[in-house]
Amino acid sequence: MVTVPKTGKPNQPIFYFYYQRKISEGKTKSQALVCIMRRLVNIVYGMMKNKTEYRPFVVEDHVVEEQ
């Protein structure tokens, strides 16, 4: 389960980086947390709409095959 604390920094790395980005854009800490909560709502809506599981972060690394 993913939660967003009402005070302090987010626990999940992806949300922490998003939080830092919003702070650097000039948002206050509480505004940045509201942005994270909205993002979570959008994620949950997408999961329910598409009937998928939560995939927190997908990085497509380039795989180099050894020859």
PDB file of N, CA and C in Angstrom:
ATOM      1  N   MET A   1       0.836  -1.170   0.000  1.00  0.00           N
ATOM      2  CA  MET A   1       0.000   0.000   0.000  1.00  0.00           C
ATOM      3  C   MET A   1       0.886   1.240   0.000  1.00  0.00           C
ATOM      4  N   VAL A   2       0.476   2.231  -0.730  1.00  0.00           N
ATOM      5  CA  VAL A   2       1.208   3.486  -0.812  1.00  0.00           C
ATOM      6  C   VAL A   2       0.434   4.534  -0.027  1.00  0.00           C
ATOM      7  N   THR A   3       1.121   5.211   0.866  1.00  0.00           N
ATOM      8  CA  THR A   3       0.489   6.281   1.631  1.00  0.00           C
ATOM      9  C   THR A   3       1.314   7.549   1.510  1.00  0.00           C
ATOM     10  N   VAL A   4       0.662   8.659   1.729  1.00  0.00           N
ATOM     11  CA  VAL A   4       1.345   9.953   1.730  1.00  0.00           C
ATOM     12  C   VAL A   4       1.183  10.548   3.118  1.00  0.00           C
ATOM     13  N   PRO A   5       2.287  10.810   3.818  1.00  0.00           N
ATOM     14  CA  PRO A   5       2.168  11.407   5.151  1.00  0.00           C
ATOM     15  C   PRO A   5       1.648  12.841   5.062  1.00  0.00           C
ATOM     16  N   LYS A   6       0.887  13.251   6.066  1.00  0.00           N
ATOM     17  CA  LYS A   6       0.361  14.619   6.062  1.00  0.00           C
ATOM     18  C   LYS A   6       1.449  15.644   6.343  1.00  0.00           C
ATOM     19  N   THR A   7       2.488  15.223   7.027  1.00  0.00           N
ATOM     20  CA  THR A   7       3.632  16.102   7.275  1.00  0.00           C
ATOM     21  C   THR A   7       4.895  15.323   6.951  1.00  0.00           C
ATOM     22  N   GLY A   8       5.919  16.012   6.604  1.00  0.00           N
ATOM     23  CA  GLY A   8       7.180  15.337   6.317  1.00  0.00           C
ATOM     24  C   GLY A   8       7.317  14.980   4.852  1.00  0.00           C
ATOM     25  N   LYS A   9       8.266  14.113   4.588  1.00  0.00           N
ATOM     26  CA  LYS A   9       8.590  13.734   3.220  1.00  0.00           C
ATOM     27  C   LYS A   9       7.923  12.414   2.862  1.00  0.00           C
ATOM     28  N   PRO A  10       7.622  12.209   1.578  1.00  0.00           N
ATOM     29  CA  PRO A  10       7.046  10.933   1.142  1.00  0.00           C
ATOM     30  C   PRO A  10       8.041   9.790   1.326  1.00  0.00           C
ATOM     31  N   ASN A  11       7.516   8.598   1.592  1.00  0.00           N
ATOM     32  CA  ASN A  11       8.359   7.429   1.825  1.00  0.00           C
ATOM     33  C   ASN A  11       8.804   6.756   0.533  1.00  0.00           C
ATOM     34  N   GLN A  12       7.957   6.752  -0.472  1.00  0.00           N
ATOM     35  CA  GLN A  12       8.272   6.084  -1.728  1.00  0.00           C
ATOM     36  C   GLN A  12       9.245   6.936  -2.543  1.00  0.00           C
ATOM     37  N   PRO A  13      10.298   6.320  -3.103  1.00  0.00           N
ATOM     38  CA  PRO A  13      11.299   7.098  -3.851  1.00  0.00           C
ATOM     39  C   PRO A  13      10.712   7.889  -5.013  1.00  0.00           C
ATOM     40  N   ILE A  14       9.787   7.288  -5.770  1.00  0.00           N
ATOM     41  CA  ILE A  14       9.234   7.997  -6.931  1.00  0.00           C
ATOM     42  C   ILE A  14       8.475   9.245  -6.505  1.00  0.00           C
ATOM     43  N   PHE A  15       7.753   9.146  -5.394  1.00  0.00           N
ATOM     44  CA  PHE A  15       7.014  10.303  -4.912  1.00  0.00           C
ATOM     45  C   PHE A  15       7.946  11.307  -4.244  1.00  0.00           C
ATOM     46  N   TYR A  16       9.021  10.831  -3.655  1.00  0.00           N
ATOM     47  CA  TYR A  16       9.992  11.741  -3.046  1.00  0.00           C
ATOM     48  C   TYR A  16      10.639  12.618  -4.119  1.00  0.00           C
ATOM     49  N   PHE A  17      11.007  12.018  -5.263  1.00  0.00           N
ATOM     50  CA  PHE A  17      11.604  12.797  -6.352  1.00  0.00           C
ATOM     51  C   PHE A  17      10.596  13.797  -6.920  1.00  0.00           C
ATOM     52  N   TYR A  18       9.342  13.375  -7.032  1.00  0.00           N
ATOM     53  CA  TYR A  18       8.281  14.275  -7.504  1.00  0.00           C
ATOM     54  C   TYR A  18       8.101  15.429  -6.515  1.00  0.00           C
ATOM     55  N   TYR A  19       8.136  15.099  -5.224  1.00  0.00           N
ATOM     56  CA  TYR A  19       8.033  16.092  -4.153  1.00  0.00           C
ATOM     57  C   TYR A  19       9.169  17.108  -4.268  1.00  0.00           C
ATOM     58  N   GLN A  20      10.401  16.634  -4.446  1.00  0.00           N
ATOM     59  CA  GLN A  20      11.555  17.520  -4.578  1.00  0.00           C
ATOM     60  C   GLN A  20      11.420  18.418  -5.805  1.00  0.00           C
ATOM     61  N   ARG A  21      10.902  17.866  -6.897  1.00  0.00           N
ATOM     62  CA  ARG A  21      10.720  18.651  -8.116  1.00  0.00           C
ATOM     63  C   ARG A  21       9.715  19.779  -7.886  1.00  0.00           C
ATOM     64  N   LYS A  22       8.626  19.463  -7.189  1.00  0.00           N
ATOM     65  CA  LYS A  22       7.613  20.482  -6.911  1.00  0.00           C
ATOM     66  C   LYS A  22       8.156  21.561  -5.974  1.00  0.00           C
ATOM     67  N   ILE A  23       8.960  21.164  -4.996  1.00  0.00           N
ATOM     68  CA  ILE A  23       9.581  22.138  -4.088  1.00  0.00           C
ATOM     69  C   ILE A  23      10.513  23.059  -4.879  1.00  0.00           C
ATOM     70  N   SER A  24      11.289  22.479  -5.806  1.00  0.00           N
ATOM     71  CA  SER A  24      12.211  23.293  -6.602  1.00  0.00           C
ATOM     72  C   SER A  24      11.463  24.214  -7.566  1.00  0.00           C
ATOM     73  N   GLU A  25      10.213  23.867  -7.903  1.00  0.00           N
ATOM     74  CA  GLU A  25       9.392  24.730  -8.755  1.00  0.00           C
ATOM     75  C   GLU A  25       8.805  25.905  -7.976  1.00  0.00           C
ATOM     76  N   GLY A  26       9.000  25.906  -6.647  1.00  0.00           N
ATOM     77  CA  GLY A  26       8.527  27.016  -5.840  1.00  0.00           C
ATOM     78  C   GLY A  26       7.283  26.725  -5.026  1.00  0.00           C
ATOM     79  N   LYS A  27       6.808  25.489  -5.042  1.00  0.00           N
ATOM     80  CA  LYS A  27       5.638  25.117  -4.241  1.00  0.00           C
ATOM     81  C   LYS A  27       6.040  25.017  -2.771  1.00  0.00           C
ATOM     82  N   THR A  28       5.071  25.250  -1.883  1.00  0.00           N
ATOM     83  CA  THR A  28       5.319  25.025  -0.465  1.00  0.00           C
ATOM     84  C   THR A  28       5.258  23.525  -0.203  1.00  0.00           C
ATOM     85  N   LYS A  29       5.671  23.117   0.989  1.00  0.00           N
ATOM     86  CA  LYS A  29       5.660  21.689   1.317  1.00  0.00           C
ATOM     87  C   LYS A  29       4.251  21.124   1.275  1.00  0.00           C
ATOM     88  N   SER A  30       3.291  21.865   1.790  1.00  0.00           N
ATOM     89  CA  SER A  30       1.915  21.361   1.780  1.00  0.00           C
ATOM     90  C   SER A  30       1.358  21.320   0.362  1.00  0.00           C
ATOM     91  N   GLN A  31       1.713  22.279  -0.479  1.00  0.00           N
ATOM     92  CA  GLN A  31       1.272  22.256  -1.872  1.00  0.00           C
ATOM     93  C   GLN A  31       1.884  21.074  -2.614  1.00  0.00           C
ATOM     94  N   ALA A  32       3.150  20.778  -2.333  1.00  0.00           N
ATOM     95  CA  ALA A  32       3.810  19.634  -2.967  1.00  0.00           C
ATOM     96  C   ALA A  32       3.136  18.329  -2.551  1.00  0.00           C
ATOM     97  N   LEU A  33       2.733  18.223  -1.276  1.00  0.00           N
ATOM     98  CA  LEU A  33       2.030  17.019  -0.820  1.00  0.00           C
ATOM     99  C   LEU A  33       0.673  16.885  -1.494  1.00  0.00           C
ATOM    100  N   VAL A  34      -0.014  17.994  -1.716  1.00  0.00           N
ATOM    101  CA  VAL A  34      -1.297  17.954  -2.426  1.00  0.00           C
ATOM    102  C   VAL A  34      -1.079  17.478  -3.859  1.00  0.00           C
ATOM    103  N   CYS A  35       0.001  17.907  -4.495  1.00  0.00           N
ATOM    104  CA  CYS A  35       0.323  17.449  -5.851  1.00  0.00           C
ATOM    105  C   CYS A  35       0.538  15.940  -5.870  1.00  0.00           C
ATOM    106  N   ILE A  36       1.214  15.419  -4.852  1.00  0.00           N
ATOM    107  CA  ILE A  36       1.449  13.979  -4.764  1.00  0.00           C
ATOM    108  C   ILE A  36       0.135  13.241  -4.563  1.00  0.00           C
ATOM    109  N   MET A  37      -0.733  13.777  -3.705  1.00  0.00           N
ATOM    110  CA  MET A  37      -2.021  13.124  -3.471  1.00  0.00           C
ATOM    111  C   MET A  37      -2.854  13.097  -4.748  1.00  0.00           C
ATOM    112  N   ARG A  38      -2.821  14.174  -5.500  1.00  0.00           N
ATOM    113  CA  ARG A  38      -3.553  14.202  -6.774  1.00  0.00           C
ATOM    114  C   ARG A  38      -2.986  13.167  -7.740  1.00  0.00           C
ATOM    115  N   ARG A  39      -1.676  13.064  -7.770  1.00  0.00           N
ATOM    116  CA  ARG A  39      -1.044  12.068  -8.640  1.00  0.00           C
ATOM    117  C   ARG A  39      -1.457  10.653  -8.238  1.00  0.00           C
ATOM    118  N   LEU A  40      -1.535  10.402  -6.930  1.00  0.00           N
ATOM    119  CA  LEU A  40      -1.986   9.096  -6.446  1.00  0.00           C
ATOM    120  C   LEU A  40      -3.419   8.814  -6.869  1.00  0.00           C
ATOM    121  N   VAL A  41      -4.275   9.818  -6.793  1.00  0.00           N
ATOM    122  CA  VAL A  41      -5.667   9.652  -7.227  1.00  0.00           C
ATOM    123  C   VAL A  41      -5.713   9.288  -8.706  1.00  0.00           C
ATOM    124  N   ASN A  42      -4.900   9.950  -9.519  1.00  0.00           N
ATOM    125  CA  ASN A  42      -4.860   9.638 -10.947  1.00  0.00           C
ATOM    126  C   ASN A  42      -4.366   8.217 -11.193  1.00  0.00           C
ATOM    127  N   ILE A  43      -3.384   7.772 -10.418  1.00  0.00           N
ATOM    128  CA  ILE A  43      -2.861   6.412 -10.562  1.00  0.00           C
ATOM    129  C   ILE A  43      -3.931   5.395 -10.200  1.00  0.00           C
ATOM    130  N   VAL A  44      -4.621   5.624  -9.075  1.00  0.00           N
ATOM    131  CA  VAL A  44      -5.668   4.690  -8.637  1.00  0.00           C
ATOM    132  C   VAL A  44      -6.800   4.653  -9.656  1.00  0.00           C
ATOM    133  N   TYR A  45      -7.191   5.801 -10.181  1.00  0.00           N
ATOM    134  CA  TYR A  45      -8.239   5.843 -11.198  1.00  0.00           C
ATOM    135  C   TYR A  45      -7.825   5.039 -12.431  1.00  0.00           C
ATOM    136  N   GLY A  46      -6.592   5.220 -12.876  1.00  0.00           N
ATOM    137  CA  GLY A  46      -6.100   4.472 -14.032  1.00  0.00           C
ATOM    138  C   GLY A  46      -6.070   2.975 -13.782  1.00  0.00           C
ATOM    139  N   MET A  47      -5.706   2.582 -12.558  1.00  0.00           N
ATOM    140  CA  MET A  47      -5.687   1.157 -12.212  1.00  0.00           C
ATOM    141  C   MET A  47      -7.098   0.582 -12.245  1.00  0.00           C
ATOM    142  N   MET A  48      -8.059   1.313 -11.705  1.00  0.00           N
ATOM    143  CA  MET A  48      -9.438   0.830 -11.684  1.00  0.00           C
ATOM    144  C   MET A  48     -10.026   0.796 -13.091  1.00  0.00           C
ATOM    145  N   LYS A  49      -9.738   1.806 -13.883  1.00  0.00           N
ATOM    146  CA  LYS A  49     -10.271   1.889 -15.239  1.00  0.00           C
ATOM    147  C   LYS A  49      -9.733   0.767 -16.117  1.00  0.00           C
ATOM    148  N   ASN A  50      -8.429   0.494 -16.004  1.00  0.00           N
ATOM    149  CA  ASN A  50      -7.791  -0.514 -16.851  1.00  0.00           C
ATOM    150  C   ASN A  50      -7.681  -1.881 -16.196  1.00  0.00           C
ATOM    151  N   LYS A  51      -8.138  -1.980 -14.947  1.00  0.00           N
ATOM    152  CA  LYS A  51      -8.089  -3.233 -14.181  1.00  0.00           C
ATOM    153  C   LYS A  51      -6.675  -3.808 -14.163  1.00  0.00           C
ATOM    154  N   THR A  52      -5.732  -2.973 -13.747  1.00  0.00           N
ATOM    155  CA  THR A  52      -4.334  -3.389 -13.668  1.00  0.00           C
ATOM    156  C   THR A  52      -3.841  -3.266 -12.237  1.00  0.00           C
ATOM    157  N   GLU A  53      -2.703  -3.893 -11.977  1.00  0.00           N
ATOM    158  CA  GLU A  53      -2.066  -3.791 -10.671  1.00  0.00           C
ATOM    159  C   GLU A  53      -1.155  -2.569 -10.650  1.00  0.00           C
ATOM    160  N   TYR A  54      -0.795  -2.172  -9.449  1.00  0.00           N
ATOM    161  CA  TYR A  54       0.100  -1.028  -9.293  1.00  0.00           C
ATOM    162  C   TYR A  54       1.515  -1.423  -9.670  1.00  0.00           C
ATOM    163  N   ARG A  55       2.079  -0.719 -10.624  1.00  0.00           N
ATOM    164  CA  ARG A  55       3.476  -0.886 -11.005  1.00  0.00           C
ATOM    165  C   ARG A  55       4.159   0.439 -10.708  1.00  0.00           C
ATOM    166  N   PRO A  56       4.844   0.526  -9.574  1.00  0.00           N
ATOM    167  CA  PRO A  56       5.317   1.817  -9.099  1.00  0.00           C
ATOM    168  C   PRO A  56       6.265   2.558 -10.024  1.00  0.00           C
ATOM    169  N   PHE A  57       7.184   1.866 -10.641  1.00  0.00           N
ATOM    170  CA  PHE A  57       8.157   2.573 -11.451  1.00  0.00           C
ATOM    171  C   PHE A  57       8.736   1.595 -12.445  1.00  0.00           C
ATOM    172  N   VAL A  58       8.630   1.909 -13.707  1.00  0.00           N
ATOM    173  CA  VAL A  58       9.145   1.031 -14.747  1.00  0.00           C
ATOM    174  C   VAL A  58      10.262   1.771 -15.466  1.00  0.00           C
ATOM    175  N   VAL A  59      11.446   1.195 -15.406  1.00  0.00           N
ATOM    176  CA  VAL A  59      12.590   1.767 -16.108  1.00  0.00           C
ATOM    177  C   VAL A  59      12.966   0.800 -17.212  1.00  0.00           C
ATOM    178  N   GLU A  60      12.989   1.301 -18.412  1.00  0.00           N
ATOM    179  CA  GLU A  60      13.373   0.456 -19.534  1.00  0.00           C
ATOM    180  C   GLU A  60      14.863   0.637 -19.783  1.00  0.00           C
ATOM    181  N   ASP A  61      15.630  -0.287 -19.255  1.00  0.00           N
ATOM    182  CA  ASP A  61      17.075  -0.236 -19.465  1.00  0.00           C
ATOM    183  C   ASP A  61      17.402  -0.886 -20.797  1.00  0.00           C
ATOM    184  N   HIS A  62      18.384  -0.363 -21.441  1.00  0.00           N
ATOM    185  CA  HIS A  62      18.831  -0.970 -22.685  1.00  0.00           C
ATOM    186  C   HIS A  62      19.688  -2.181 -22.340  1.00  0.00           C
ATOM    187  N   VAL A  63      19.284  -3.312 -22.845  1.00  0.00           N
ATOM    188  CA  VAL A  63      20.003  -4.547 -22.573  1.00  0.00           C
ATOM    189  C   VAL A  63      21.011  -4.765 -23.695  1.00  0.00           C
ATOM    190  N   VAL A  64      22.248  -4.918 -23.308  1.00  0.00           N
ATOM    191  CA  VAL A  64      23.304  -5.159 -24.283  1.00  0.00           C
ATOM    192  C   VAL A  64      23.682  -6.625 -24.201  1.00  0.00           C
ATOM    193  N   GLU A  65      23.530  -7.308 -25.312  1.00  0.00           N
ATOM    194  CA  GLU A  65      23.877  -8.728 -25.333  1.00  0.00           C
ATOM    195  C   GLU A  65      25.371  -8.887 -25.555  1.00  0.00           C
ATOM    196  N   GLU A  66      25.953  -9.766 -24.766  1.00  0.00           N
ATOM    197  CA  GLU A  66      27.380 -10.038 -24.929  1.00  0.00           C
ATOM    198  C   GLU A  66      27.572 -10.992 -26.091  1.00  0.00           C
ATOM    199  N   GLN A  67      28.598 -10.740 -26.881  1.00  0.00           N
ATOM    200  CA  GLN A  67      28.860 -11.614 -28.028  1.00  0.00           C
ATOM    201  C   GLN A  67      30.117 -12.396 -27.812  1.00  0.00           C
TER     202      GLN A  67
END
